[in-house]
Amino acid sequence: MAINLSKGQKIDLKKSTGETLTNFCVGVNWGAIETKGFLGLSKKIQNIDLDLSCILIDENNTICDHLYSPLYRVEVLQQFGLPKGKLVTVDNAMRHTGDDLQGDSGGDDGLDNEIITVDLSRISPNVAQIFFFLNNAGSEDFSQIPYSKIRMYEGTPTHVKSEFASYNVSAEAQYAGKQSIIMGKLYKRNNEWKFSAIGDPTEDTFLGQTIHRIVKSYL
């Protein structure tokens, strides 16, 4: 049975069978904003572009790798001292499915819009923490976005085998007026990986601001 995460909760990556969860997906699901037209005869769809990203932190509290959309403009990233976006970590242990610019229209299809696959057995040994965060490339706040949800599950980007843990963003009043969320982190403790659900909303309007915030306040 999946764990319903709450802000600040820490969990061991142990399945109900007692086995350690080592291969899994971290995914975010959301819907486009749909409004009815005059007399309900037409429907207007507003696409929503959320961006799932992560940074990897080494034992010296330094960023050693990253995953975020290659669609971010290089000149803007350079203003924050950040490299170009990419979809695969150096050690090939983590992969991003790419940027979804729209969100689901016509209802929830049961699959996540952006996903990062994780193989903990292949993570470079110098990596101590992995922070996951979410930014809205548009102007909407999270209270306006339908059924936004973050989850960890076993399976593939196109097939959910077993959901391990989830966090329902749209159900949280604290996200009204906010455009980014520091979702949580994987971290090593006594050579074992654990997960902490951070769930902190911010007013950051760009990924670079969120990365600087993590480095300044969460390490």
C-alpha atoms as a PDB file:
ATOM      1  CA  MET A   1       0.000   0.000   0.000  1.00  0.00           C
ATOM      2  CA  ALA A   2       1.395   3.406  -0.994  1.00  0.00           C
ATOM      3  CA  ILE A   3       2.597   5.854   1.639  1.00  0.00           C
ATOM      4  CA  ASN A   4       0.730   9.181   1.663  1.00  0.00           C
ATOM      5  CA  LEU A   5       3.578  11.557   2.395  1.00  0.00           C
ATOM      6  CA  SER A   6       3.222  14.633   4.557  1.00  0.00           C
ATOM      7  CA  LYS A   7       5.525  17.631   4.704  1.00  0.00           C
ATOM      8  CA  GLY A   8       8.703  16.911   6.664  1.00  0.00           C
ATOM      9  CA  GLN A   9       8.146  13.150   6.760  1.00  0.00           C
ATOM     10  CA  LYS A  10      11.190  10.883   6.438  1.00  0.00           C
ATOM     11  CA  ILE A  11      10.902   7.318   5.139  1.00  0.00           C
ATOM     12  CA  ASP A  12      13.132   4.313   4.595  1.00  0.00           C
ATOM     13  CA  LEU A  13      13.117   2.952   1.074  1.00  0.00           C
ATOM     14  CA  LYS A  14      11.742  -0.396   2.205  1.00  0.00           C
ATOM     15  CA  LYS A  15       8.973  -2.213   0.388  1.00  0.00           C
ATOM     16  CA  SER A  16       6.280  -4.178   2.203  1.00  0.00           C
ATOM     17  CA  THR A  17       8.244  -7.337   1.400  1.00  0.00           C
ATOM     18  CA  GLY A  18      11.234  -5.985   3.313  1.00  0.00           C
ATOM     19  CA  GLU A  19      13.297  -5.482   0.166  1.00  0.00           C
ATOM     20  CA  THR A  20      15.026  -2.162  -0.456  1.00  0.00           C
ATOM     21  CA  LEU A  21      13.649   0.042  -3.206  1.00  0.00           C
ATOM     22  CA  THR A  22      16.562   0.707  -5.581  1.00  0.00           C
ATOM     23  CA  ASN A  23      14.973   1.124  -9.028  1.00  0.00           C
ATOM     24  CA  PHE A  24      12.039   3.532  -9.173  1.00  0.00           C
ATOM     25  CA  CYS A  25      10.505   6.558 -10.846  1.00  0.00           C
ATOM     26  CA  VAL A  26       9.902  10.010  -9.385  1.00  0.00           C
ATOM     27  CA  GLY A  27       7.031  11.511 -11.352  1.00  0.00           C
ATOM     28  CA  VAL A  28       4.813  14.578 -11.432  1.00  0.00           C
ATOM     29  CA  ASN A  29       1.291  14.536 -12.853  1.00  0.00           C
ATOM     30  CA  TRP A  30      -0.870  17.550 -13.650  1.00  0.00           C
ATOM     31  CA  GLY A  31      -3.699  18.714 -15.850  1.00  0.00           C
ATOM     32  CA  ALA A  32      -4.193  21.604 -18.238  1.00  0.00           C
ATOM     33  CA  ILE A  33      -6.707  24.197 -17.047  1.00  0.00           C
ATOM     34  CA  GLU A  34     -10.038  23.626 -18.805  1.00  0.00           C
ATOM     35  CA  THR A  35     -12.860  26.171 -18.690  1.00  0.00           C
ATOM     36  CA  LYS A  36     -16.281  26.043 -20.300  1.00  0.00           C
ATOM     37  CA  GLY A  37     -17.345  28.680 -22.795  1.00  0.00           C
ATOM     38  CA  PHE A  38     -20.717  30.377 -23.247  1.00  0.00           C
ATOM     39  CA  LEU A  39     -23.604  28.105 -22.209  1.00  0.00           C
ATOM     40  CA  GLY A  40     -21.111  25.277 -21.847  1.00  0.00           C
ATOM     41  CA  LEU A  41     -21.068  24.742 -25.606  1.00  0.00           C
ATOM     42  CA  SER A  42     -17.320  25.098 -26.009  1.00  0.00           C
ATOM     43  CA  LYS A  43     -14.239  24.411 -23.939  1.00  0.00           C
ATOM     44  CA  LYS A  44     -11.085  26.465 -23.562  1.00  0.00           C
ATOM     45  CA  ILE A  45      -7.854  24.648 -22.709  1.00  0.00           C
ATOM     46  CA  GLN A  46      -4.936  26.477 -21.130  1.00  0.00           C
ATOM     47  CA  ASN A  47      -1.697  24.490 -21.304  1.00  0.00           C
ATOM     48  CA  ILE A  48       0.417  24.284 -18.145  1.00  0.00           C
ATOM     49  CA  ASP A  49       4.196  23.880 -18.295  1.00  0.00           C
ATOM     50  CA  LEU A  50       5.628  22.502 -15.048  1.00  0.00           C
ATOM     51  CA  ASP A  51       9.293  21.508 -14.900  1.00  0.00           C
ATOM     52  CA  LEU A  52      10.552  18.625 -12.762  1.00  0.00           C
ATOM     53  CA  SER A  53      14.267  18.928 -11.990  1.00  0.00           C
ATOM     54  CA  CYS A  54      16.918  17.655  -9.612  1.00  0.00           C
ATOM     55  CA  ILE A  55      20.424  18.479  -8.485  1.00  0.00           C
ATOM     56  CA  LEU A  56      22.947  16.022  -7.042  1.00  0.00           C
ATOM     57  CA  ILE A  57      25.082  17.149  -4.099  1.00  0.00           C
ATOM     58  CA  ASP A  58      28.385  15.562  -3.144  1.00  0.00           C
ATOM     59  CA  GLU A  59      29.896  14.958   0.309  1.00  0.00           C
ATOM     60  CA  ASN A  60      31.401  18.471   0.278  1.00  0.00           C
ATOM     61  CA  ASN A  61      27.962  20.081  -0.238  1.00  0.00           C
ATOM     62  CA  THR A  62      28.808  20.976  -3.835  1.00  0.00           C
ATOM     63  CA  ILE A  63      26.593  20.450  -6.869  1.00  0.00           C
ATOM     64  CA  CYS A  64      28.175  17.595  -8.821  1.00  0.00           C
ATOM     65  CA  ASP A  65      25.457  16.864 -11.400  1.00  0.00           C
ATOM     66  CA  HIS A  66      21.980  17.932 -12.476  1.00  0.00           C
ATOM     67  CA  LEU A  67      18.884  17.069 -14.488  1.00  0.00           C
ATOM     68  CA  TYR A  68      16.676  19.789 -15.910  1.00  0.00           C
ATOM     69  CA  SER A  69      15.153  20.688 -19.242  1.00  0.00           C
ATOM     70  CA  PRO A  70      17.545  21.415 -22.147  1.00  0.00           C
ATOM     71  CA  LEU A  71      14.909  23.917 -23.318  1.00  0.00           C
ATOM     72  CA  TYR A  72      16.027  26.464 -20.718  1.00  0.00           C
ATOM     73  CA  ARG A  73      17.884  29.252 -22.491  1.00  0.00           C
ATOM     74  CA  VAL A  74      21.636  29.017 -21.966  1.00  0.00           C
ATOM     75  CA  GLU A  75      22.113  32.770 -21.539  1.00  0.00           C
ATOM     76  CA  VAL A  76      19.565  32.874 -18.707  1.00  0.00           C
ATOM     77  CA  LEU A  77      21.155  29.869 -16.964  1.00  0.00           C
ATOM     78  CA  GLN A  78      24.561  31.540 -17.238  1.00  0.00           C
ATOM     79  CA  GLN A  79      23.252  34.493 -15.225  1.00  0.00           C
ATOM     80  CA  PHE A  80      22.856  32.051 -12.333  1.00  0.00           C
ATOM     81  CA  GLY A  81      26.164  30.297 -13.008  1.00  0.00           C
ATOM     82  CA  LEU A  82      24.377  27.142 -14.166  1.00  0.00           C
ATOM     83  CA  PRO A  83      25.257  24.761 -17.021  1.00  0.00           C
ATOM     84  CA  LYS A  84      22.990  23.801 -19.896  1.00  0.00           C
ATOM     85  CA  GLY A  85      20.120  21.446 -19.101  1.00  0.00           C
ATOM     86  CA  LYS A  86      20.402  17.729 -19.813  1.00  0.00           C
ATOM     87  CA  LEU A  87      18.338  14.562 -19.373  1.00  0.00           C
ATOM     88  CA  VAL A  88      20.880  11.945 -18.187  1.00  0.00           C
ATOM     89  CA  THR A  89      23.299  12.060 -15.239  1.00  0.00           C
ATOM     90  CA  VAL A  90      26.999  11.470 -15.801  1.00  0.00           C
ATOM     91  CA  ASP A  91      26.810   8.018 -14.184  1.00  0.00           C
ATOM     92  CA  ASN A  92      23.698   7.072 -16.242  1.00  0.00           C
ATOM     93  CA  ALA A  93      21.869   6.255 -13.004  1.00  0.00           C
ATOM     94  CA  MET A  94      19.132   8.862 -13.482  1.00  0.00           C
ATOM     95  CA  ARG A  95      17.180   9.833 -16.602  1.00  0.00           C
ATOM     96  CA  HIS A  96      14.590  12.531 -17.270  1.00  0.00           C
ATOM     97  CA  THR A  97      11.777  11.851 -19.744  1.00  0.00           C
ATOM     98  CA  GLY A  98      11.865  15.407 -21.100  1.00  0.00           C
ATOM     99  CA  ASP A  99       9.831  18.598 -20.898  1.00  0.00           C
ATOM    100  CA  ASP A 100       6.027  18.361 -21.015  1.00  0.00           C
ATOM    101  CA  LEU A 101       4.759  21.778 -22.095  1.00  0.00           C
ATOM    102  CA  GLN A 102       1.023  21.160 -21.765  1.00  0.00           C
ATOM    103  CA  GLY A 103      -0.287  18.893 -18.998  1.00  0.00           C
ATOM    104  CA  ASP A 104      -3.156  16.431 -19.491  1.00  0.00           C
ATOM    105  CA  SER A 105      -6.234  17.627 -21.323  1.00  0.00           C
ATOM    106  CA  GLY A 106      -9.516  15.738 -21.097  1.00  0.00           C
ATOM    107  CA  GLY A 107      -8.824  14.387 -17.615  1.00  0.00           C
ATOM    108  CA  ASP A 108      -6.156  12.421 -15.783  1.00  0.00           C
ATOM    109  CA  ASP A 109      -4.689   9.646 -17.951  1.00  0.00           C
ATOM    110  CA  GLY A 110      -3.079   7.920 -14.955  1.00  0.00           C
ATOM    111  CA  LEU A 111       0.481   8.544 -16.124  1.00  0.00           C
ATOM    112  CA  ASP A 112       2.902  11.208 -14.969  1.00  0.00           C
ATOM    113  CA  ASN A 113       3.792  14.072 -17.290  1.00  0.00           C
ATOM    114  CA  GLU A 114       7.448  14.349 -16.322  1.00  0.00           C
ATOM    115  CA  ILE A 115       9.438  11.525 -14.771  1.00  0.00           C
ATOM    116  CA  ILE A 116      12.952  10.961 -13.478  1.00  0.00           C
ATOM    117  CA  THR A 117      13.990   7.311 -13.340  1.00  0.00           C
ATOM    118  CA  VAL A 118      16.412   6.373 -10.567  1.00  0.00           C
ATOM    119  CA  ASP A 119      18.784   3.416 -10.149  1.00  0.00           C
ATOM    120  CA  LEU A 120      20.386   3.859  -6.738  1.00  0.00           C
ATOM    121  CA  SER A 121      22.821   0.991  -7.359  1.00  0.00           C
ATOM    122  CA  ARG A 122      24.492   3.057 -10.088  1.00  0.00           C
ATOM    123  CA  ILE A 123      24.638   6.441  -8.354  1.00  0.00           C
ATOM    124  CA  SER A 124      28.224   7.737  -8.093  1.00  0.00           C
ATOM    125  CA  PRO A 125      29.623   6.996  -4.606  1.00  0.00           C
ATOM    126  CA  ASN A 126      30.460  10.665  -3.996  1.00  0.00           C
ATOM    127  CA  VAL A 127      26.774  11.693  -4.227  1.00  0.00           C
ATOM    128  CA  ALA A 128      25.299  12.300  -0.762  1.00  0.00           C
ATOM    129  CA  GLN A 129      21.991  14.072  -1.492  1.00  0.00           C
ATOM    130  CA  ILE A 130      19.616  14.431  -4.443  1.00  0.00           C
ATOM    131  CA  PHE A 131      17.076  17.272  -4.334  1.00  0.00           C
ATOM    132  CA  PHE A 132      13.905  17.176  -6.435  1.00  0.00           C
ATOM    133  CA  PHE A 133      12.038  20.394  -7.196  1.00  0.00           C
ATOM    134  CA  LEU A 134       9.242  21.689  -9.384  1.00  0.00           C
ATOM    135  CA  ASN A 135       8.937  25.033 -11.177  1.00  0.00           C
ATOM    136  CA  ASN A 136       6.068  26.522 -13.157  1.00  0.00           C
ATOM    137  CA  ALA A 137       7.246  28.129 -16.396  1.00  0.00           C
ATOM    138  CA  GLY A 138       3.958  30.052 -16.587  1.00  0.00           C
ATOM    139  CA  SER A 139       2.249  32.502 -14.252  1.00  0.00           C
ATOM    140  CA  GLU A 140      -0.325  30.187 -12.621  1.00  0.00           C
ATOM    141  CA  ASP A 141       0.015  29.179  -9.000  1.00  0.00           C
ATOM    142  CA  PHE A 142      -0.365  25.592  -7.849  1.00  0.00           C
ATOM    143  CA  SER A 143      -3.872  26.104  -6.467  1.00  0.00           C
ATOM    144  CA  GLN A 144      -5.098  26.691 -10.050  1.00  0.00           C
ATOM    145  CA  ILE A 145      -3.549  23.551 -11.551  1.00  0.00           C
ATOM    146  CA  PRO A 146      -5.758  20.424 -11.615  1.00  0.00           C
ATOM    147  CA  TYR A 147      -4.723  17.280  -9.703  1.00  0.00           C
ATOM    148  CA  SER A 148      -1.001  18.059  -9.408  1.00  0.00           C
ATOM    149  CA  LYS A 149       0.639  15.133  -7.621  1.00  0.00           C
ATOM    150  CA  ILE A 150       4.169  13.907  -6.935  1.00  0.00           C
ATOM    151  CA  ARG A 151       4.896  10.218  -6.456  1.00  0.00           C
ATOM    152  CA  MET A 152       7.550   7.502  -6.299  1.00  0.00           C
ATOM    153  CA  TYR A 153       6.735   4.198  -7.939  1.00  0.00           C
ATOM    154  CA  GLU A 154       8.175   1.023  -9.381  1.00  0.00           C
ATOM    155  CA  GLY A 155       7.727   0.627 -13.108  1.00  0.00           C
ATOM    156  CA  THR A 156       8.567   2.635 -16.199  1.00  0.00           C
ATOM    157  CA  PRO A 157       7.537   6.055 -17.545  1.00  0.00           C
ATOM    158  CA  THR A 158       4.698   4.353 -19.440  1.00  0.00           C
ATOM    159  CA  HIS A 159       3.656   1.709 -16.881  1.00  0.00           C
ATOM    160  CA  VAL A 160       3.066   2.000 -13.136  1.00  0.00           C
ATOM    161  CA  LYS A 161       3.745  -1.367 -11.506  1.00  0.00           C
ATOM    162  CA  SER A 162       3.442  -0.389  -7.851  1.00  0.00           C
ATOM    163  CA  GLU A 163       3.141   3.044  -6.234  1.00  0.00           C
ATOM    164  CA  PHE A 164       5.453   3.438  -3.252  1.00  0.00           C
ATOM    165  CA  ALA A 165       4.734   6.947  -1.949  1.00  0.00           C
ATOM    166  CA  SER A 166       2.840  10.047  -3.088  1.00  0.00           C
ATOM    167  CA  TYR A 167       2.325  13.688  -2.158  1.00  0.00           C
ATOM    168  CA  ASN A 168      -0.848  15.500  -3.258  1.00  0.00           C
ATOM    169  CA  VAL A 169       0.144  19.069  -4.108  1.00  0.00           C
ATOM    170  CA  SER A 170      -3.294  20.288  -5.185  1.00  0.00           C
ATOM    171  CA  ALA A 171      -4.772  19.377  -1.800  1.00  0.00           C
ATOM    172  CA  GLU A 172      -2.430  21.732   0.094  1.00  0.00           C
ATOM    173  CA  ALA A 173      -3.656  25.279   0.740  1.00  0.00           C
ATOM    174  CA  GLN A 174      -0.084  26.462   1.392  1.00  0.00           C
ATOM    175  CA  TYR A 175       0.684  26.318  -2.344  1.00  0.00           C
ATOM    176  CA  ALA A 176      -1.772  29.058  -3.326  1.00  0.00           C
ATOM    177  CA  GLY A 177       0.180  31.947  -4.833  1.00  0.00           C
ATOM    178  CA  LYS A 178       3.341  29.844  -5.188  1.00  0.00           C
ATOM    179  CA  GLN A 179       5.068  28.859  -8.428  1.00  0.00           C
ATOM    180  CA  SER A 180       7.750  26.444  -7.273  1.00  0.00           C
ATOM    181  CA  ILE A 181       8.136  23.661  -4.742  1.00  0.00           C
ATOM    182  CA  ILE A 182      11.207  22.062  -3.203  1.00  0.00           C
ATOM    183  CA  MET A 183       9.658  18.615  -3.150  1.00  0.00           C
ATOM    184  CA  GLY A 184      12.056  16.383  -1.285  1.00  0.00           C
ATOM    185  CA  LYS A 185      15.443  14.753  -1.226  1.00  0.00           C
ATOM    186  CA  LEU A 186      17.099  11.382  -1.312  1.00  0.00           C
ATOM    187  CA  TYR A 187      19.975  11.233   1.141  1.00  0.00           C
ATOM    188  CA  LYS A 188      22.487   8.701   2.400  1.00  0.00           C
ATOM    189  CA  ARG A 189      22.579   7.723   6.060  1.00  0.00           C
ATOM    190  CA  ASN A 190      25.014   4.999   7.155  1.00  0.00           C
ATOM    191  CA  ASN A 191      25.418   4.057   3.501  1.00  0.00           C
ATOM    192  CA  GLU A 192      21.668   3.545   3.041  1.00  0.00           C
ATOM    193  CA  TRP A 193      19.419   5.776   0.957  1.00  0.00           C
ATOM    194  CA  LYS A 194      16.381   7.386   2.584  1.00  0.00           C
ATOM    195  CA  PHE A 195      13.819   9.955   1.449  1.00  0.00           C
ATOM    196  CA  SER A 196      12.699  13.175   3.130  1.00  0.00           C
ATOM    197  CA  ALA A 197       9.514  14.925   1.929  1.00  0.00           C
ATOM    198  CA  ILE A 198      10.369  18.629   2.186  1.00  0.00           C
ATOM    199  CA  GLY A 199       7.299  20.130   0.493  1.00  0.00           C
ATOM    200  CA  ASP A 200       8.364  23.778   0.827  1.00  0.00           C
ATOM    201  CA  PRO A 201       6.638  26.204  -1.568  1.00  0.00           C
ATOM    202  CA  THR A 202       8.547  29.245  -2.820  1.00  0.00           C
ATOM    203  CA  GLU A 203       7.855  32.311  -4.941  1.00  0.00           C
ATOM    204  CA  ASP A 204      10.730  31.532  -7.316  1.00  0.00           C
ATOM    205  CA  THR A 205       9.850  32.236 -10.928  1.00  0.00           C
ATOM    206  CA  PHE A 206      12.926  30.522 -12.384  1.00  0.00           C
ATOM    207  CA  LEU A 207      14.777  27.280 -11.741  1.00  0.00           C
ATOM    208  CA  GLY A 208      18.048  29.132 -11.041  1.00  0.00           C
ATOM    209  CA  GLN A 209      16.499  30.871  -8.038  1.00  0.00           C
ATOM    210  CA  THR A 210      15.336  27.533  -6.638  1.00  0.00           C
ATOM    211  CA  ILE A 211      18.771  25.948  -7.035  1.00  0.00           C
ATOM    212  CA  HIS A 212      20.422  28.879  -5.262  1.00  0.00           C
ATOM    213  CA  ARG A 213      17.832  28.607  -2.482  1.00  0.00           C
ATOM    214  CA  ILE A 214      18.590  24.893  -1.984  1.00  0.00           C
ATOM    215  CA  VAL A 215      22.347  25.487  -1.855  1.00  0.00           C
ATOM    216  CA  LYS A 216      21.992  28.406   0.559  1.00  0.00           C
ATOM    217  CA  SER A 217      19.359  27.073   2.947  1.00  0.00           C
ATOM    218  CA  TYR A 218      19.028  23.276   2.675  1.00  0.00           C
ATOM    219  CA  LEU A 219      22.574  21.898   2.819  1.00  0.00           C
END
